[in-house]
Amino acid sequence: MTTSVKMDDDTKSRLERLQAEIRLQAGRRVTQQEILARLVEHAIESKADLIDSFREKRVPLAESERERFHDGMVSSGVTTTEEDIDDVLYG
């Protein structure tokens, strides 16, 4: 059973270029279905990398932004322990 997969024109074009490169370098024709099956197989083997690729990218803050954040903090002079936090959170 085959199922069609929708993709935008850019992705389709890139898949076609990949297909052509495989033919030139491997010396044999492969279908787009074979390419997609192989890509899925590799993705399953390295699921963590695939999942990470969908995570929101976070750019580290510049030092000046970090300093500006910490400038707004003031010390109350009271040391807070984990037990203090637990008491506030859990009663």
Protein backbone atom coordinates (compact mmCIF):
# COMPACT_ATOMS: atom_id res chain seq x y z
CA MET A 1 0.00 0.00 0.00
CA THR A 2 1.34 3.42 -0.89
CA THR A 3 0.33 6.76 0.49
CA SER A 4 1.08 10.15 -0.97
CA VAL A 5 3.00 12.69 1.06
CA LYS A 6 2.39 16.40 0.60
CA MET A 7 5.44 18.66 0.47
CA ASP A 8 6.12 22.16 -0.72
CA ASP A 9 7.81 22.87 -4.05
CA ASP A 10 11.18 23.65 -2.45
CA THR A 11 11.26 20.34 -0.56
CA LYS A 12 10.19 18.45 -3.68
CA SER A 13 12.95 20.12 -5.67
CA ARG A 14 15.55 19.27 -3.02
CA LEU A 15 14.37 15.65 -2.99
CA GLU A 16 14.74 15.51 -6.77
CA ARG A 17 18.27 16.95 -6.57
CA LEU A 18 19.15 14.37 -3.91
CA GLN A 19 17.75 11.64 -6.13
CA ALA A 20 19.92 12.85 -9.03
CA GLU A 21 23.05 13.01 -6.83
CA ILE A 22 22.47 9.46 -5.60
CA ARG A 23 22.14 8.27 -9.19
CA LEU A 24 25.38 10.00 -10.20
CA GLN A 25 27.44 8.92 -7.21
CA ALA A 26 25.99 5.47 -6.50
CA GLY A 27 25.56 4.57 -10.14
CA ARG A 28 21.98 3.37 -9.85
CA ARG A 29 18.51 4.80 -9.94
CA VAL A 30 16.53 5.03 -6.74
CA THR A 31 12.96 6.13 -6.32
CA GLN A 32 11.91 8.99 -4.12
CA GLN A 33 10.01 6.42 -2.07
CA GLU A 34 13.28 4.54 -1.43
CA ILE A 35 15.00 7.76 -0.40
CA LEU A 36 12.22 8.68 2.01
CA ALA A 37 12.17 5.17 3.48
CA ARG A 38 15.94 5.33 4.08
CA LEU A 39 15.65 8.79 5.63
CA VAL A 40 12.94 7.59 8.01
CA GLU A 41 15.04 4.54 8.90
CA HIS A 42 18.02 6.76 9.77
CA ALA A 43 15.80 9.18 11.68
CA ILE A 44 14.46 6.35 13.84
CA GLU A 45 18.01 5.24 14.60
CA SER A 46 18.87 8.72 15.83
CA LYS A 47 15.53 9.86 17.26
CA ALA A 48 17.12 12.22 19.76
CA ASP A 49 18.75 14.26 16.98
CA LEU A 50 15.50 14.43 15.05
CA ILE A 51 13.51 15.48 18.11
CA ASP A 52 16.13 18.09 19.00
CA SER A 53 15.85 19.54 15.50
CA PHE A 54 12.22 20.46 16.29
CA ARG A 55 13.00 22.14 19.59
CA GLU A 56 12.91 25.90 19.78
CA LYS A 57 16.39 27.25 19.23
CA ARG A 58 17.69 29.41 22.04
CA VAL A 59 20.45 31.83 21.39
CA PRO A 60 22.61 32.55 24.43
CA LEU A 61 22.18 36.01 25.89
CA ALA A 62 24.86 38.58 25.29
CA GLU A 63 26.90 39.51 28.36
CA SER A 64 25.30 42.98 28.44
CA GLU A 65 21.80 41.45 28.49
CA ARG A 66 22.83 39.08 31.28
CA GLU A 67 24.20 41.99 33.31
CA ARG A 68 21.02 44.04 32.74
CA PHE A 69 18.95 41.09 34.04
CA HIS A 70 21.08 40.76 37.17
CA ASP A 71 21.11 44.54 37.78
CA GLY A 72 17.42 44.30 38.67
CA MET A 73 18.12 41.81 41.46
CA VAL A 74 18.65 42.93 45.04
CA SER A 75 19.87 40.93 47.98
CA SER A 76 17.50 40.78 50.93
CA GLY A 77 20.33 39.65 53.16
CA VAL A 78 18.44 36.46 54.03
CA THR A 79 19.76 33.08 52.97
CA THR A 80 17.06 30.86 51.50
CA THR A 81 17.45 27.11 51.90
CA GLU A 82 15.82 24.30 49.96
CA GLU A 83 13.68 23.57 53.00
CA ASP A 84 12.41 27.18 52.98
CA ILE A 85 11.40 26.81 49.35
CA ASP A 86 9.72 23.46 50.04
CA ASP A 87 7.76 25.01 52.93
CA VAL A 88 6.50 27.82 50.70
CA LEU A 89 5.64 25.52 47.81
CA TYR A 90 4.26 22.51 49.64
CA GLY A 91 3.30 23.90 53.05
